Amino acid sequence: MDSSLQIDFQLLGTTVSPKDISRIIEIVPDTALLQGERNPTRGLPRQNVWSVRSRSKSSDLVDHWKSLEAALLKAKEKIRNIARTGKAKITIIVSDGDRIPPLTIPPAMSEFAGFIKAEIDIDHLQ
């Protein structure tokens, strides 16, 4: 059974291109799109998007954070500098429609979010 949780770390609307973000922070993203790249007629996405998602099968948020933590912390200074040109966001994705699992945000995740001045968003998919 797939996990009902996932963490999506995003850098949005930055002046640094998604391709350059990957090169600078040395992380392979799940999504890297320039503004308008997906659908130029409609201008989608509406801003540059760079994101990486957790890979854990666990239903524990701590395990999801651990799957991203080492790479993100290694590049945290560079990420903070890039985030200043746009916005950083950590989305906790909850996709289990019957039961919402407990969401205990690990202190290291909170500390990282504060360091780079990221929003923490909880998205309940149904």
Protein backbone atom coordinates (compact mmCIF):
# COMPACT_ATOMS: atom_id res chain seq x y z
CA MET A 1 0.00 0.00 0.00
CA ASP A 2 1.32 3.43 -0.90
CA SER A 3 1.80 5.99 1.81
CA SER A 4 -0.93 8.51 2.45
CA LEU A 5 1.72 11.16 3.12
CA GLN A 6 4.32 12.93 1.04
CA ILE A 7 6.45 16.05 1.39
CA ASP A 8 6.92 18.32 -1.62
CA PHE A 9 9.66 20.94 -1.28
CA GLN A 10 9.27 23.76 -3.81
CA LEU A 11 11.08 26.85 -4.98
CA LEU A 12 8.54 29.02 -6.80
CA GLY A 13 8.80 32.15 -8.90
CA THR A 14 12.54 32.50 -8.46
CA THR A 15 14.67 34.58 -10.78
CA VAL A 16 17.06 31.61 -10.91
CA SER A 17 15.95 29.17 -13.62
CA PRO A 18 14.91 25.66 -12.51
CA LYS A 19 17.79 24.16 -14.51
CA ASP A 20 20.26 26.43 -12.72
CA ILE A 21 18.71 25.61 -9.32
CA SER A 22 19.39 21.91 -9.94
CA ARG A 23 22.98 22.66 -10.91
CA ILE A 24 23.63 25.02 -7.97
CA ILE A 25 22.16 22.87 -5.21
CA GLU A 26 23.08 19.52 -6.81
CA ILE A 27 19.64 17.94 -6.35
CA VAL A 28 17.71 16.24 -9.16
CA PRO A 29 14.14 17.60 -9.02
CA ASP A 30 10.85 15.85 -9.68
CA THR A 31 9.59 18.98 -11.41
CA ALA A 32 11.59 21.76 -13.07
CA LEU A 33 9.56 24.07 -15.30
CA LEU A 34 10.10 27.58 -16.57
CA GLN A 35 7.16 29.94 -16.54
CA GLY A 36 4.96 29.09 -19.57
CA GLU A 37 6.95 25.96 -20.46
CA ARG A 38 4.16 23.39 -19.98
CA ASN A 39 1.54 25.34 -21.97
CA PRO A 40 2.85 28.51 -23.64
CA THR A 41 -0.61 29.50 -24.93
CA ARG A 42 -2.02 29.65 -21.41
CA GLY A 43 1.24 30.67 -19.76
CA LEU A 44 1.41 27.55 -17.59
CA PRO A 45 2.96 27.26 -15.16
CA ARG A 46 2.41 30.87 -14.17
CA GLN A 47 5.82 31.03 -12.50
CA ASN A 48 9.09 29.09 -12.47
CA VAL A 49 8.66 25.84 -10.51
CA TRP A 50 11.36 23.63 -9.02
CA SER A 51 10.33 20.81 -6.67
CA VAL A 52 11.44 17.56 -5.11
CA ARG A 53 9.23 15.02 -3.30
CA SER A 54 9.84 12.55 -0.52
CA ARG A 55 10.18 8.89 -1.46
CA SER A 56 9.23 7.09 1.76
CA LYS A 57 6.45 4.49 1.86
CA SER A 58 5.93 5.27 5.54
CA SER A 59 2.84 6.86 7.06
CA ASP A 60 5.12 8.79 9.45
CA LEU A 61 6.03 12.33 8.43
CA VAL A 62 9.43 12.01 10.14
CA ASP A 63 10.41 9.28 7.66
CA HIS A 64 9.41 11.47 4.73
CA TRP A 65 11.49 14.34 6.08
CA LYS A 66 14.47 11.99 6.54
CA SER A 67 14.27 11.04 2.84
CA LEU A 68 14.87 14.70 1.90
CA GLU A 69 16.78 16.06 4.88
CA ALA A 70 20.40 15.23 4.00
CA ALA A 71 20.28 16.71 0.50
CA LEU A 72 18.34 19.83 1.56
CA LEU A 73 20.51 20.55 4.61
CA LYS A 74 23.69 20.10 2.57
CA ALA A 75 22.51 22.92 0.27
CA LYS A 76 20.58 25.06 2.79
CA GLU A 77 22.68 28.23 2.36
CA LYS A 78 22.33 28.06 -1.43
CA ILE A 79 18.63 27.26 -1.14
CA ARG A 80 18.09 30.25 1.15
CA ASN A 81 19.81 32.56 -1.35
CA ILE A 82 17.71 31.24 -4.23
CA ALA A 83 14.50 31.40 -2.17
CA ARG A 84 15.09 35.11 -1.54
CA THR A 85 14.45 35.70 -5.26
CA GLY A 86 11.03 34.02 -5.09
CA LYS A 87 9.33 31.80 -2.53
CA ALA A 88 10.12 28.51 -0.76
CA LYS A 89 7.33 26.20 0.28
CA ILE A 90 7.10 22.85 2.03
CA THR A 91 3.83 21.10 1.29
CA ILE A 92 2.73 18.15 3.37
CA ILE A 93 0.45 16.16 1.08
CA VAL A 94 -2.19 14.00 2.78
CA SER A 95 -3.99 11.77 0.28
CA ASP A 96 -5.93 9.34 2.45
CA GLY A 97 -9.62 10.20 2.16
CA ASP A 98 -10.93 8.10 5.06
CA ARG A 99 -8.48 8.97 7.78
CA ILE A 100 -6.19 11.91 8.31
CA PRO A 101 -2.97 10.62 9.85
CA PRO A 102 -1.32 12.48 12.72
CA LEU A 103 1.00 15.20 11.43
CA THR A 104 3.90 15.77 13.77
CA ILE A 105 6.36 18.13 12.10
CA PRO A 106 9.92 17.17 13.03
CA PRO A 107 11.98 19.93 14.70
CA ALA A 108 14.66 19.67 11.98
CA MET A 109 12.03 20.33 9.32
CA SER A 110 10.73 23.36 11.22
CA GLU A 111 14.27 24.64 11.69
CA PHE A 112 15.05 24.26 7.97
CA ALA A 113 11.80 25.99 7.00
CA GLY A 114 12.61 28.89 9.34
CA PHE A 115 16.19 29.15 8.08
CA ILE A 116 15.13 29.52 4.44
CA LYS A 117 11.91 31.37 5.36
CA ALA A 118 9.64 28.73 3.78
CA GLU A 119 5.90 28.42 4.17
CA ILE A 120 4.62 25.09 5.47
CA ASP A 121 1.38 24.10 3.77
CA ILE A 122 -0.80 21.07 4.53
CA ASP A 123 -2.76 19.90 1.50
CA HIS A 124 -5.55 17.34 2.07
CA LEU A 125 -6.22 15.62 -1.27
CA GLN A 126 -9.56 13.86 -1.55
